[in-house]
Amino acid sequence: MATILVIEDNQDNVDVVSRFLQREGHKVLHAGDGSKGVSIAMTMQPDLILMDLSLPTMSGFEATEKIRANAATSRVPIIAVTAHAFSEDVVKAMKAGCDSYETKPVVYPRLMRKIRAMLDEK
């Protein structure tokens, strides 16, 4: 069982992804904005983070950079889960420190495979 932090401001998306994660046996933490996401990541040090890129108070790009800049969280895998689907968005997310990228609407079997693979690598 892994602890996964979902940083997402849309409650419907949080509910759906949480159900999939809990069905796999994971513990789910949630933050509704970038600033809270960074704070929870630093405090709880999850095993993996699902990061929306369009967030209130601090973008997912900036939140990812802050998480990467902290020694305690710098190696936590981060998957960008976002409606930003242009190739330049993917490049920007990877430069910010995301390890992988999943576009919305999410294809949950594919996302779950990515999560399993990243957790197996840890």
PDB file of N, CA and C in Angstrom:
ATOM      1  N   MET A   1       0.847  -1.189   0.000  1.00  0.00           N
ATOM      2  CA  MET A   1       0.000   0.000   0.000  1.00  0.00           C
ATOM      3  C   MET A   1       0.883   1.239   0.000  1.00  0.00           C
ATOM      4  N   ALA A   2       0.610   2.144  -0.896  1.00  0.00           N
ATOM      5  CA  ALA A   2       1.359   3.390  -0.998  1.00  0.00           C
ATOM      6  C   ALA A   2       0.462   4.551  -0.582  1.00  0.00           C
ATOM      7  N   THR A   3       1.106   5.631  -0.174  1.00  0.00           N
ATOM      8  CA  THR A   3       0.391   6.874   0.103  1.00  0.00           C
ATOM      9  C   THR A   3       0.557   7.763  -1.118  1.00  0.00           C
ATOM     10  N   ILE A   4      -0.577   8.158  -1.703  1.00  0.00           N
ATOM     11  CA  ILE A   4      -0.558   8.960  -2.926  1.00  0.00           C
ATOM     12  C   ILE A   4      -1.262  10.278  -2.666  1.00  0.00           C
ATOM     13  N   LEU A   5      -0.569  11.366  -2.970  1.00  0.00           N
ATOM     14  CA  LEU A   5      -1.120  12.713  -2.823  1.00  0.00           C
ATOM     15  C   LEU A   5      -1.714  13.155  -4.150  1.00  0.00           C
ATOM     16  N   VAL A   6      -2.995  13.498  -4.126  1.00  0.00           N
ATOM     17  CA  VAL A   6      -3.692  14.000  -5.305  1.00  0.00           C
ATOM     18  C   VAL A   6      -3.839  15.506  -5.130  1.00  0.00           C
ATOM     19  N   ILE A   7      -3.148  16.267  -5.980  1.00  0.00           N
ATOM     20  CA  ILE A   7      -3.233  17.728  -5.935  1.00  0.00           C
ATOM     21  C   ILE A   7      -4.105  18.140  -7.111  1.00  0.00           C
ATOM     22  N   GLU A   8      -5.364  18.426  -6.799  1.00  0.00           N
ATOM     23  CA  GLU A   8      -6.399  18.642  -7.816  1.00  0.00           C
ATOM     24  C   GLU A   8      -7.491  19.515  -7.215  1.00  0.00           C
ATOM     25  N   ASP A   9      -7.955  20.511  -7.967  1.00  0.00           N
ATOM     26  CA  ASP A   9      -8.982  21.425  -7.442  1.00  0.00           C
ATOM     27  C   ASP A   9     -10.404  21.054  -7.843  1.00  0.00           C
ATOM     28  N   ASN A  10     -10.585  20.086  -8.727  1.00  0.00           N
ATOM     29  CA  ASN A  10     -11.924  19.673  -9.135  1.00  0.00           C
ATOM     30  C   ASN A  10     -12.341  18.463  -8.306  1.00  0.00           C
ATOM     31  N   GLN A  11     -13.345  18.635  -7.450  1.00  0.00           N
ATOM     32  CA  GLN A  11     -13.732  17.580  -6.518  1.00  0.00           C
ATOM     33  C   GLN A  11     -14.227  16.324  -7.228  1.00  0.00           C
ATOM     34  N   ASP A  12     -14.903  16.474  -8.366  1.00  0.00           N
ATOM     35  CA  ASP A  12     -15.345  15.292  -9.112  1.00  0.00           C
ATOM     36  C   ASP A  12     -14.141  14.454  -9.551  1.00  0.00           C
ATOM     37  N   ASN A  13     -13.100  15.112 -10.046  1.00  0.00           N
ATOM     38  CA  ASN A  13     -11.888  14.397 -10.446  1.00  0.00           C
ATOM     39  C   ASN A  13     -11.225  13.722  -9.250  1.00  0.00           C
ATOM     40  N   VAL A  14     -11.200  14.419  -8.119  1.00  0.00           N
ATOM     41  CA  VAL A  14     -10.616  13.851  -6.894  1.00  0.00           C
ATOM     42  C   VAL A  14     -11.374  12.592  -6.497  1.00  0.00           C
ATOM     43  N   ASP A  15     -12.695  12.665  -6.530  1.00  0.00           N
ATOM     44  CA  ASP A  15     -13.513  11.522  -6.123  1.00  0.00           C
ATOM     45  C   ASP A  15     -13.253  10.305  -7.005  1.00  0.00           C
ATOM     46  N   VAL A  16     -13.207  10.513  -8.312  1.00  0.00           N
ATOM     47  CA  VAL A  16     -13.015   9.391  -9.234  1.00  0.00           C
ATOM     48  C   VAL A  16     -11.627   8.779  -9.059  1.00  0.00           C
ATOM     49  N   VAL A  17     -10.593   9.599  -9.077  1.00  0.00           N
ATOM     50  CA  VAL A  17      -9.239   9.047  -8.968  1.00  0.00           C
ATOM     51  C   VAL A  17      -9.031   8.404  -7.598  1.00  0.00           C
ATOM     52  N   SER A  18      -9.621   8.977  -6.558  1.00  0.00           N
ATOM     53  CA  SER A  18      -9.499   8.393  -5.215  1.00  0.00           C
ATOM     54  C   SER A  18     -10.102   6.998  -5.168  1.00  0.00           C
ATOM     55  N   ARG A  19     -11.238   6.819  -5.803  1.00  0.00           N
ATOM     56  CA  ARG A  19     -11.869   5.490  -5.830  1.00  0.00           C
ATOM     57  C   ARG A  19     -10.959   4.462  -6.507  1.00  0.00           C
ATOM     58  N   PHE A  20     -10.369   4.844  -7.630  1.00  0.00           N
ATOM     59  CA  PHE A  20      -9.461   3.925  -8.322  1.00  0.00           C
ATOM     60  C   PHE A  20      -8.251   3.598  -7.457  1.00  0.00           C
ATOM     61  N   LEU A  21      -7.680   4.611  -6.817  1.00  0.00           N
ATOM     62  CA  LEU A  21      -6.498   4.392  -5.981  1.00  0.00           C
ATOM     63  C   LEU A  21      -6.827   3.542  -4.765  1.00  0.00           C
ATOM     64  N   GLN A  22      -7.943   3.824  -4.117  1.00  0.00           N
ATOM     65  CA  GLN A  22      -8.332   3.060  -2.930  1.00  0.00           C
ATOM     66  C   GLN A  22      -8.658   1.618  -3.299  1.00  0.00           C
ATOM     67  N   ARG A  23      -9.239   1.408  -4.463  1.00  0.00           N
ATOM     68  CA  ARG A  23      -9.532   0.051  -4.931  1.00  0.00           C
ATOM     69  C   ARG A  23      -8.242  -0.758  -5.083  1.00  0.00           C
ATOM     70  N   GLU A  24      -7.147  -0.060  -5.400  1.00  0.00           N
ATOM     71  CA  GLU A  24      -5.835  -0.712  -5.528  1.00  0.00           C
ATOM     72  C   GLU A  24      -5.145  -0.866  -4.165  1.00  0.00           C
ATOM     73  N   GLY A  25      -5.784  -0.353  -3.108  1.00  0.00           N
ATOM     74  CA  GLY A  25      -5.234  -0.490  -1.761  1.00  0.00           C
ATOM     75  C   GLY A  25      -4.388   0.668  -1.285  1.00  0.00           C
ATOM     76  N   HIS A  26      -4.392   1.784  -2.013  1.00  0.00           N
ATOM     77  CA  HIS A  26      -3.565   2.927  -1.647  1.00  0.00           C
ATOM     78  C   HIS A  26      -4.282   3.863  -0.682  1.00  0.00           C
ATOM     79  N   LYS A  27      -3.504   4.540   0.118  1.00  0.00           N
ATOM     80  CA  LYS A  27      -4.010   5.620   0.971  1.00  0.00           C
ATOM     81  C   LYS A  27      -3.946   6.898   0.145  1.00  0.00           C
ATOM     82  N   VAL A  28      -5.026   7.692   0.172  1.00  0.00           N
ATOM     83  CA  VAL A  28      -5.096   8.905  -0.638  1.00  0.00           C
ATOM     84  C   VAL A  28      -5.095  10.142   0.257  1.00  0.00           C
ATOM     85  N   LEU A  29      -4.187  11.062  -0.055  1.00  0.00           N
ATOM     86  CA  LEU A  29      -4.180  12.395   0.544  1.00  0.00           C
ATOM     87  C   LEU A  29      -4.645  13.357  -0.542  1.00  0.00           C
ATOM     88  N   HIS A  30      -5.225  14.490  -0.141  1.00  0.00           N
ATOM     89  CA  HIS A  30      -5.724  15.427  -1.139  1.00  0.00           C
ATOM     90  C   HIS A  30      -5.386  16.859  -0.755  1.00  0.00           C
ATOM     91  N   ALA A  31      -5.051  17.637  -1.772  1.00  0.00           N
ATOM     92  CA  ALA A  31      -4.883  19.083  -1.637  1.00  0.00           C
ATOM     93  C   ALA A  31      -5.616  19.732  -2.801  1.00  0.00           C
ATOM     94  N   GLY A  32      -6.362  20.806  -2.514  1.00  0.00           N
ATOM     95  CA  GLY A  32      -7.162  21.463  -3.536  1.00  0.00           C
ATOM     96  C   GLY A  32      -6.482  22.628  -4.220  1.00  0.00           C
ATOM     97  N   ASP A  33      -5.257  22.940  -3.822  1.00  0.00           N
ATOM     98  CA  ASP A  33      -4.507  24.000  -4.507  1.00  0.00           C
ATOM     99  C   ASP A  33      -3.012  23.717  -4.402  1.00  0.00           C
ATOM    100  N   GLY A  34      -2.238  24.452  -5.186  1.00  0.00           N
ATOM    101  CA  GLY A  34      -0.802  24.202  -5.261  1.00  0.00           C
ATOM    102  C   GLY A  34      -0.063  24.424  -3.952  1.00  0.00           C
ATOM    103  N   SER A  35      -0.398  25.490  -3.244  1.00  0.00           N
ATOM    104  CA  SER A  35       0.287  25.793  -1.980  1.00  0.00           C
ATOM    105  C   SER A  35       0.056  24.702  -0.946  1.00  0.00           C
ATOM    106  N   LYS A  36      -1.200  24.272  -0.811  1.00  0.00           N
ATOM    107  CA  LYS A  36      -1.502  23.196   0.144  1.00  0.00           C
ATOM    108  C   LYS A  36      -0.836  21.897  -0.292  1.00  0.00           C
ATOM    109  N   GLY A  37      -0.792  21.673  -1.585  1.00  0.00           N
ATOM    110  CA  GLY A  37      -0.140  20.474  -2.093  1.00  0.00           C
ATOM    111  C   GLY A  37       1.323  20.415  -1.706  1.00  0.00           C
ATOM    112  N   VAL A  38       2.015  21.531  -1.858  1.00  0.00           N
ATOM    113  CA  VAL A  38       3.433  21.587  -1.470  1.00  0.00           C
ATOM    114  C   VAL A  38       3.568  21.335   0.028  1.00  0.00           C
ATOM    115  N   SER A  39       2.733  21.976   0.812  1.00  0.00           N
ATOM    116  CA  SER A  39       2.783  21.817   2.260  1.00  0.00           C
ATOM    117  C   SER A  39       2.548  20.365   2.680  1.00  0.00           C
ATOM    118  N   ILE A  40       1.525  19.733   2.110  1.00  0.00           N
ATOM    119  CA  ILE A  40       1.235  18.337   2.452  1.00  0.00           C
ATOM    120  C   ILE A  40       2.370  17.423   1.985  1.00  0.00           C
ATOM    121  N   ALA A  41       2.906  17.683   0.806  1.00  0.00           N
ATOM    122  CA  ALA A  41       4.017  16.872   0.311  1.00  0.00           C
ATOM    123  C   ALA A  41       5.212  16.951   1.264  1.00  0.00           C
ATOM    124  N   MET A  42       5.529  18.143   1.734  1.00  0.00           N
ATOM    125  CA  MET A  42       6.675  18.318   2.638  1.00  0.00           C
ATOM    126  C   MET A  42       6.431  17.648   3.987  1.00  0.00           C
ATOM    127  N   THR A  43       5.196  17.737   4.476  1.00  0.00           N
ATOM    128  CA  THR A  43       4.859  17.197   5.789  1.00  0.00           C
ATOM    129  C   THR A  43       4.688  15.685   5.768  1.00  0.00           C
ATOM    130  N   MET A  44       3.948  15.183   4.787  1.00  0.00           N
ATOM    131  CA  MET A  44       3.568  13.766   4.768  1.00  0.00           C
ATOM    132  C   MET A  44       4.506  12.882   3.937  1.00  0.00           C
ATOM    133  N   GLN A  45       5.281  13.484   3.053  1.00  0.00           N
ATOM    134  CA  GLN A  45       6.216  12.769   2.176  1.00  0.00           C
ATOM    135  C   GLN A  45       5.578  11.523   1.550  1.00  0.00           C
ATOM    136  N   PRO A  46       4.605  11.742   0.648  1.00  0.00           N
ATOM    137  CA  PRO A  46       3.906  10.619   0.015  1.00  0.00           C
ATOM    138  C   PRO A  46       4.838   9.795  -0.868  1.00  0.00           C
ATOM    139  N   ASP A  47       4.350   8.639  -1.265  1.00  0.00           N
ATOM    140  CA  ASP A  47       5.122   7.764  -2.144  1.00  0.00           C
ATOM    141  C   ASP A  47       5.037   8.192  -3.599  1.00  0.00           C
ATOM    142  N   LEU A  48       3.969   8.934  -3.946  1.00  0.00           N
ATOM    143  CA  LEU A  48       3.748   9.378  -5.319  1.00  0.00           C
ATOM    144  C   LEU A  48       2.768  10.545  -5.294  1.00  0.00           C
ATOM    145  N   ILE A  49       2.883  11.438  -6.278  1.00  0.00           N
ATOM    146  CA  ILE A  49       1.990  12.599  -6.368  1.00  0.00           C
ATOM    147  C   ILE A  49       1.352  12.629  -7.751  1.00  0.00           C
ATOM    148  N   LEU A  50       0.032  12.849  -7.764  1.00  0.00           N
ATOM    149  CA  LEU A  50      -0.689  13.145  -9.002  1.00  0.00           C
ATOM    150  C   LEU A  50      -0.955  14.643  -8.994  1.00  0.00           C
ATOM    151  N   MET A  51      -0.418  15.357  -9.963  1.00  0.00           N
ATOM    152  CA  MET A  51      -0.405  16.818  -9.954  1.00  0.00           C
ATOM    153  C   MET A  51      -1.201  17.409 -11.113  1.00  0.00           C
ATOM    154  N   ASP A  52      -2.290  18.119 -10.787  1.00  0.00           N
ATOM    155  CA  ASP A  52      -2.959  18.929 -11.798  1.00  0.00           C
ATOM    156  C   ASP A  52      -2.044  20.122 -12.071  1.00  0.00           C
ATOM    157  N   LEU A  53      -2.049  20.648 -13.265  1.00  0.00           N
ATOM    158  CA  LEU A  53      -1.168  21.777 -13.577  1.00  0.00           C
ATOM    159  C   LEU A  53      -1.866  23.123 -13.451  1.00  0.00           C
ATOM    160  N   SER A  54      -3.195  23.155 -13.585  1.00  0.00           N
ATOM    161  CA  SER A  54      -3.965  24.390 -13.440  1.00  0.00           C
ATOM    162  C   SER A  54      -4.610  24.398 -12.059  1.00  0.00           C
ATOM    163  N   LEU A  55      -3.968  25.050 -11.129  1.00  0.00           N
ATOM    164  CA  LEU A  55      -4.425  25.060  -9.737  1.00  0.00           C
ATOM    165  C   LEU A  55      -4.520  26.484  -9.213  1.00  0.00           C
ATOM    166  N   PRO A  56      -5.403  26.711  -8.242  1.00  0.00           N
ATOM    167  CA  PRO A  56      -5.427  28.028  -7.595  1.00  0.00           C
ATOM    168  C   PRO A  56      -4.227  28.200  -6.662  1.00  0.00           C
ATOM    169  N   THR A  57      -3.914  29.414  -6.359  1.00  0.00           N
ATOM    170  CA  THR A  57      -2.841  29.909  -5.464  1.00  0.00           C
ATOM    171  C   THR A  57      -1.430  29.661  -5.970  1.00  0.00           C
ATOM    172  N   MET A  58      -1.205  28.533  -6.624  1.00  0.00           N
ATOM    173  CA  MET A  58       0.114  28.222  -7.171  1.00  0.00           C
ATOM    174  C   MET A  58      -0.097  27.159  -8.246  1.00  0.00           C
ATOM    175  N   SER A  59       0.443  27.362  -9.421  1.00  0.00           N
ATOM    176  CA  SER A  59       0.249  26.394 -10.500  1.00  0.00           C
ATOM    177  C   SER A  59       0.920  25.064 -10.166  1.00  0.00           C
ATOM    178  N   GLY A  60       0.491  24.029 -10.848  1.00  0.00           N
ATOM    179  CA  GLY A  60       1.124  22.731 -10.683  1.00  0.00           C
ATOM    180  C   GLY A  60       2.576  22.734 -11.131  1.00  0.00           C
ATOM    181  N   PHE A  61       2.902  23.568 -12.107  1.00  0.00           N
ATOM    182  CA  PHE A  61       4.290  23.692 -12.550  1.00  0.00           C
ATOM    183  C   PHE A  61       5.152  24.205 -11.387  1.00  0.00           C
ATOM    184  N   GLU A  62       4.699  25.305 -10.763  1.00  0.00           N
ATOM    185  CA  GLU A  62       5.449  25.901  -9.652  1.00  0.00           C
ATOM    186  C   GLU A  62       5.476  24.959  -8.449  1.00  0.00           C
ATOM    187  N   ALA A  63       4.350  24.317  -8.152  1.00  0.00           N
ATOM    188  CA  ALA A  63       4.308  23.382  -7.025  1.00  0.00           C
ATOM    189  C   ALA A  63       5.296  22.237  -7.247  1.00  0.00           C
ATOM    190  N   THR A  64       5.363  21.727  -8.457  1.00  0.00           N
ATOM    191  CA  THR A  64       6.311  20.658  -8.778  1.00  0.00           C
ATOM    192  C   THR A  64       7.742  21.127  -8.548  1.00  0.00           C
ATOM    193  N   GLU A  65       8.056  22.329  -9.007  1.00  0.00           N
ATOM    194  CA  GLU A  65       9.410  22.864  -8.808  1.00  0.00           C
ATOM    195  C   GLU A  65       9.753  22.967  -7.326  1.00  0.00           C
ATOM    196  N   LYS A  66       8.804  23.417  -6.512  1.00  0.00           N
ATOM    197  CA  LYS A  66       9.046  23.541  -5.071  1.00  0.00           C
ATOM    198  C   LYS A  66       9.235  22.175  -4.411  1.00  0.00           C
ATOM    199  N   ILE A  67       8.438  21.210  -4.827  1.00  0.00           N
ATOM    200  CA  ILE A  67       8.574  19.851  -4.285  1.00  0.00           C
ATOM    201  C   ILE A  67       9.936  19.271  -4.669  1.00  0.00           C
ATOM    202  N   ARG A  68      10.356  19.490  -5.890  1.00  0.00           N
ATOM    203  CA  ARG A  68      11.662  19.000  -6.354  1.00  0.00           C
ATOM    204  C   ARG A  68      12.830  19.698  -5.648  1.00  0.00           C
ATOM    205  N   ALA A  69      12.639  20.945  -5.254  1.00  0.00           N
ATOM    206  CA  ALA A  69      13.718  21.719  -4.626  1.00  0.00           C
ATOM    207  C   ALA A  69      13.960  21.325  -3.173  1.00  0.00           C
ATOM    208  N   ASN A  70      13.040  20.576  -2.569  1.00  0.00           N
ATOM    209  CA  ASN A  70      13.174  20.180  -1.175  1.00  0.00           C
ATOM    210  C   ASN A  70      13.820  18.797  -1.100  1.00  0.00           C
ATOM    211  N   ALA A  71      14.861  18.661  -0.296  1.00  0.00           N
ATOM    212  CA  ALA A  71      15.588  17.389  -0.205  1.00  0.00           C
ATOM    213  C   ALA A  71      14.687  16.233   0.216  1.00  0.00           C
ATOM    214  N   ALA A  72      13.724  16.488   1.088  1.00  0.00           N
ATOM    215  CA  ALA A  72      12.860  15.423   1.601  1.00  0.00           C
ATOM    216  C   ALA A  72      11.890  14.899   0.545  1.00  0.00           C
ATOM    217  N   THR A  73      11.557  15.716  -0.451  1.00  0.00           N
ATOM    218  CA  THR A  73      10.562  15.317  -1.446  1.00  0.00           C
ATOM    219  C   THR A  73      11.108  15.296  -2.875  1.00  0.00           C
ATOM    220  N   SER A  74      12.364  15.550  -3.040  1.00  0.00           N
ATOM    221  CA  SER A  74      12.929  15.703  -4.387  1.00  0.00           C
ATOM    222  C   SER A  74      12.828  14.448  -5.241  1.00  0.00           C
ATOM    223  N   ARG A  75      12.719  13.280  -4.614  1.00  0.00           N
ATOM    224  CA  ARG A  75      12.704  12.031  -5.376  1.00  0.00           C
ATOM    225  C   ARG A  75      11.318  11.385  -5.452  1.00  0.00           C
ATOM    226  N   VAL A  76      10.298  12.061  -4.926  1.00  0.00           N
ATOM    227  CA  VAL A  76       8.934  11.522  -4.993  1.00  0.00           C
ATOM    228  C   VAL A  76       8.462  11.580  -6.448  1.00  0.00           C
ATOM    229  N   PRO A  77       8.022  10.459  -7.019  1.00  0.00           N
ATOM    230  CA  PRO A  77       7.527  10.486  -8.398  1.00  0.00           C
ATOM    231  C   PRO A  77       6.292  11.392  -8.515  1.00  0.00           C
ATOM    232  N   ILE A  78       6.263  12.181  -9.586  1.00  0.00           N
ATOM    233  CA  ILE A  78       5.138  13.081  -9.843  1.00  0.00           C
ATOM    234  C   ILE A  78       4.614  12.823 -11.246  1.00  0.00           C
ATOM    235  N   ILE A  79       3.303  12.548 -11.310  1.00  0.00           N
ATOM    236  CA  ILE A  79       2.634  12.390 -12.599  1.00  0.00           C
ATOM    237  C   ILE A  79       1.720  13.592 -12.793  1.00  0.00           C
ATOM    238  N   ALA A  80       1.947  14.342 -13.856  1.00  0.00           N
ATOM    239  CA  ALA A  80       1.053  15.446 -14.200  1.00  0.00           C
ATOM    240  C   ALA A  80      -0.230  14.839 -14.764  1.00  0.00           C
ATOM    241  N   VAL A  81      -1.362  15.248 -14.202  1.00  0.00           N
ATOM    242  CA  VAL A  81      -2.675  14.792 -14.685  1.00  0.00           C
ATOM    243  C   VAL A  81      -3.440  16.061 -15.028  1.00  0.00           C
ATOM    244  N   THR A  82      -3.582  16.330 -16.326  1.00  0.00           N
ATOM    245  CA  THR A  82      -4.034  17.661 -16.715  1.00  0.00           C
ATOM    246  C   THR A  82      -4.733  17.686 -18.064  1.00  0.00           C
ATOM    247  N   ALA A  83      -5.500  18.722 -18.271  1.00  0.00           N
ATOM    248  CA  ALA A  83      -6.136  18.950 -19.572  1.00  0.00           C
ATOM    249  C   ALA A  83      -5.174  19.639 -20.538  1.00  0.00           C
ATOM    250  N   HIS A  84      -4.026  20.100 -20.047  1.00  0.00           N
ATOM    251  CA  HIS A  84      -3.011  20.713 -20.918  1.00  0.00           C
ATOM    252  C   HIS A  84      -2.407  19.618 -21.787  1.00  0.00           C
ATOM    253  N   ALA A  85      -2.773  19.588 -23.063  1.00  0.00           N
ATOM    254  CA  ALA A  85      -2.379  18.473 -23.915  1.00  0.00           C
ATOM    255  C   ALA A  85      -1.405  18.851 -25.031  1.00  0.00           C
ATOM    256  N   PHE A  86      -1.029  20.113 -25.130  1.00  0.00           N
ATOM    257  CA  PHE A  86      -0.096  20.519 -26.175  1.00  0.00           C
ATOM    258  C   PHE A  86       1.308  20.043 -25.849  1.00  0.00           C
ATOM    259  N   SER A  87       2.102  19.778 -26.880  1.00  0.00           N
ATOM    260  CA  SER A  87       3.449  19.253 -26.662  1.00  0.00           C
ATOM    261  C   SER A  87       4.296  20.197 -25.822  1.00  0.00           C
ATOM    262  N   GLU A  88       4.091  21.506 -25.976  1.00  0.00           N
ATOM    263  CA  GLU A  88       4.866  22.452 -25.160  1.00  0.00           C
ATOM    264  C   GLU A  88       4.488  22.364 -23.673  1.00  0.00           C
ATOM    265  N   ASP A  89       3.231  21.980 -23.383  1.00  0.00           N
ATOM    266  CA  ASP A  89       2.825  21.778 -21.986  1.00  0.00           C
ATOM    267  C   ASP A  89       3.524  20.560 -21.390  1.00  0.00           C
ATOM    268  N   VAL A  90       3.633  19.510 -22.190  1.00  0.00           N
ATOM    269  CA  VAL A  90       4.328  18.309 -21.734  1.00  0.00           C
ATOM    270  C   VAL A  90       5.786  18.652 -21.430  1.00  0.00           C
ATOM    271  N   VAL A  91       6.436  19.361 -22.337  1.00  0.00           N
ATOM    272  CA  VAL A  91       7.836  19.754 -22.144  1.00  0.00           C
ATOM    273  C   VAL A  91       7.977  20.615 -20.896  1.00  0.00           C
ATOM    274  N   LYS A  92       7.084  21.576 -20.715  1.00  0.00           N
ATOM    275  CA  LYS A  92       7.134  22.454 -19.544  1.00  0.00           C
ATOM    276  C   LYS A  92       6.954  21.658 -18.246  1.00  0.00           C
ATOM    277  N   ALA A  93       6.034  20.697 -18.253  1.00  0.00           N
ATOM    278  CA  ALA A  93       5.810  19.870 -17.062  1.00  0.00           C
ATOM    279  C   ALA A  93       7.044  19.030 -16.744  1.00  0.00           C
ATOM    280  N   MET A  94       7.661  18.461 -17.753  1.00  0.00           N
ATOM    281  CA  MET A  94       8.853  17.646 -17.529  1.00  0.00           C
ATOM    282  C   MET A  94      10.026  18.513 -17.050  1.00  0.00           C
ATOM    283  N   LYS A  95      10.146  19.722 -17.591  1.00  0.00           N
ATOM    284  CA  LYS A  95      11.197  20.642 -17.125  1.00  0.00           C
ATOM    285  C   LYS A  95      10.970  21.053 -15.678  1.00  0.00           C
ATOM    286  N   ALA A  96       9.703  21.171 -15.280  1.00  0.00           N
ATOM    287  CA  ALA A  96       9.388  21.537 -13.897  1.00  0.00           C
ATOM    288  C   ALA A  96       9.727  20.395 -12.939  1.00  0.00           C
ATOM    289  N   GLY A  97       9.776  19.158 -13.456  1.00  0.00           N
ATOM    290  CA  GLY A  97      10.150  18.034 -12.616  1.00  0.00           C
ATOM    291  C   GLY A  97       9.177  16.870 -12.605  1.00  0.00           C
ATOM    292  N   CYS A  98       8.137  16.912 -13.431  1.00  0.00           N
ATOM    293  CA  CYS A  98       7.220  15.780 -13.500  1.00  0.00           C
ATOM    294  C   CYS A  98       7.929  14.592 -14.150  1.00  0.00           C
ATOM    295  N   ASP A  99       7.603  13.406 -13.680  1.00  0.00           N
ATOM    296  CA  ASP A  99       8.215  12.190 -14.206  1.00  0.00           C
ATOM    297  C   ASP A  99       7.403  11.590 -15.347  1.00  0.00           C
ATOM    298  N   SER A 100       6.112  11.897 -15.377  1.00  0.00           N
ATOM    299  CA  SER A 100       5.231  11.362 -16.403  1.00  0.00           C
ATOM    300  C   SER A 100       4.060  12.319 -16.576  1.00  0.00           C
ATOM    301  N   TYR A 101       3.213  12.018 -17.553  1.00  0.00           N
ATOM    302  CA  TYR A 101       2.172  12.943 -17.966  1.00  0.00           C
ATOM    303  C   TYR A 101       0.944  12.156 -18.389  1.00  0.00           C
ATOM    304  N   GLU A 102      -0.203  12.532 -17.905  1.00  0.00           N
ATOM    305  CA  GLU A 102      -1.466  11.889 -18.273  1.00  0.00           C
ATOM    306  C   GLU A 102      -2.484  12.989 -18.566  1.00  0.00           C
ATOM    307  N   THR A 103      -3.096  12.940 -19.742  1.00  0.00           N
ATOM    308  CA  THR A 103      -4.063  13.978 -20.095  1.00  0.00           C
ATOM    309  C   THR A 103      -5.470  13.593 -19.638  1.00  0.00           C
ATOM    310  N   LYS A 104      -6.264  14.633 -19.391  1.00  0.00           N
ATOM    311  CA  LYS A 104      -7.681  14.462 -19.068  1.00  0.00           C
ATOM    312  C   LYS A 104      -8.469  14.546 -20.368  1.00  0.00           C
ATOM    313  N   PRO A 105      -9.539  13.817 -20.512  1.00  0.00           N
ATOM    314  CA  PRO A 105     -10.072  12.889 -19.520  1.00  0.00           C
ATOM    315  C   PRO A 105      -9.134  11.698 -19.357  1.00  0.00           C
ATOM    316  N   VAL A 106      -8.963  11.285 -18.131  1.00  0.00           N
ATOM    317  CA  VAL A 106      -7.995  10.256 -17.780  1.00  0.00           C
ATOM    318  C   VAL A 106      -8.484   8.888 -18.235  1.00  0.00           C
ATOM    319  N   VAL A 107      -7.570   8.121 -18.793  1.00  0.00           N
ATOM    320  CA  VAL A 107      -7.806   6.711 -19.090  1.00  0.00           C
ATOM    321  C   VAL A 107      -7.250   5.961 -17.883  1.00  0.00           C
ATOM    322  N   TYR A 108      -8.132   5.574 -16.977  1.00  0.00           N
ATOM    323  CA  TYR A 108      -7.689   5.069 -15.674  1.00  0.00           C
ATOM    324  C   TYR A 108      -6.853   3.797 -15.728  1.00  0.00           C
ATOM    325  N   PRO A 109      -7.141   2.830 -16.583  1.00  0.00           N
ATOM    326  CA  PRO A 109      -6.240   1.664 -16.624  1.00  0.00           C
ATOM    327  C   PRO A 109      -4.798   2.062 -16.973  1.00  0.00           C
ATOM    328  N   ARG A 110      -4.644   3.006 -17.900  1.00  0.00           N
ATOM    329  CA  ARG A 110      -3.295   3.463 -18.271  1.00  0.00           C
ATOM    330  C   ARG A 110      -2.640   4.195 -17.108  1.00  0.00           C
ATOM    331  N   LEU A 111      -3.387   5.078 -16.422  1.00  0.00           N
ATOM    332  CA  LEU A 111      -2.845   5.791 -15.270  1.00  0.00           C
ATOM    333  C   LEU A 111      -2.431   4.810 -14.183  1.00  0.00           C
ATOM    334  N   MET A 112      -3.255   3.813 -13.910  1.00  0.00           N
ATOM    335  CA  MET A 112      -2.929   2.833 -12.870  1.00  0.00           C
ATOM    336  C   MET A 112      -1.664   2.053 -13.228  1.00  0.00           C
ATOM    337  N   ARG A 113      -1.477   1.735 -14.506  1.00  0.00           N
ATOM    338  CA  ARG A 113      -0.237   1.059 -14.937  1.00  0.00           C
ATOM    339  C   ARG A 113       0.975   1.944 -14.688  1.00  0.00           C
ATOM    340  N   LYS A 114       0.853   3.240 -14.985  1.00  0.00           N
ATOM    341  CA  LYS A 114       1.962   4.166 -14.740  1.00  0.00           C
ATOM    342  C   LYS A 114       2.278   4.243 -13.249  1.00  0.00           C
ATOM    343  N   ILE A 115       1.235   4.337 -12.434  1.00  0.00           N
ATOM    344  CA  ILE A 115       1.431   4.413 -10.987  1.00  0.00           C
ATOM    345  C   ILE A 115       2.130   3.157 -10.487  1.00  0.00           C
ATOM    346  N   ARG A 116       1.634   1.972 -10.885  1.00  0.00           N
ATOM    347  CA  ARG A 116       2.256   0.712 -10.448  1.00  0.00           C
ATOM    348  C   ARG A 116       3.720   0.659 -10.851  1.00  0.00           C
ATOM    349  N   ALA A 117       4.012   1.053 -12.083  1.00  0.00           N
ATOM    350  CA  ALA A 117       5.399   1.010 -12.577  1.00  0.00           C
ATOM    351  C   ALA A 117       6.288   1.953 -11.762  1.00  0.00           C
ATOM    352  N   MET A 118       5.824   3.134 -11.475  1.00  0.00           N
ATOM    353  CA  MET A 118       6.631   4.086 -10.713  1.00  0.00           C
ATOM    354  C   MET A 118       6.838   3.626  -9.270  1.00  0.00           C
ATOM    355  N   LEU A 119       5.812   3.066  -8.678  1.00  0.00           N
ATOM    356  CA  LEU A 119       5.946   2.580  -7.303  1.00  0.00           C
ATOM    357  C   LEU A 119       6.869   1.369  -7.254  1.00  0.00           C
ATOM    358  N   ASP A 120       6.845   0.533  -8.279  1.00  0.00           N
ATOM    359  CA  ASP A 120       7.733  -0.637  -8.328  1.00  0.00           C
ATOM    360  C   ASP A 120       9.195  -0.222  -8.460  1.00  0.00           C
ATOM    361  N   GLU A 121       9.443   0.926  -9.090  1.00  0.00           N
ATOM    362  CA  GLU A 121      10.813   1.417  -9.270  1.00  0.00           C
ATOM    363  C   GLU A 121      11.405   1.992  -7.987  1.00  0.00           C
ATOM    364  N   LYS A 122      10.551   2.382  -7.041  1.00  0.00           N
ATOM    365  CA  LYS A 122      11.027   3.033  -5.813  1.00  0.00           C
ATOM    366  C   LYS A 122      11.817   2.101  -4.937  1.00  0.00           C
TER     367      LYS A 122
END
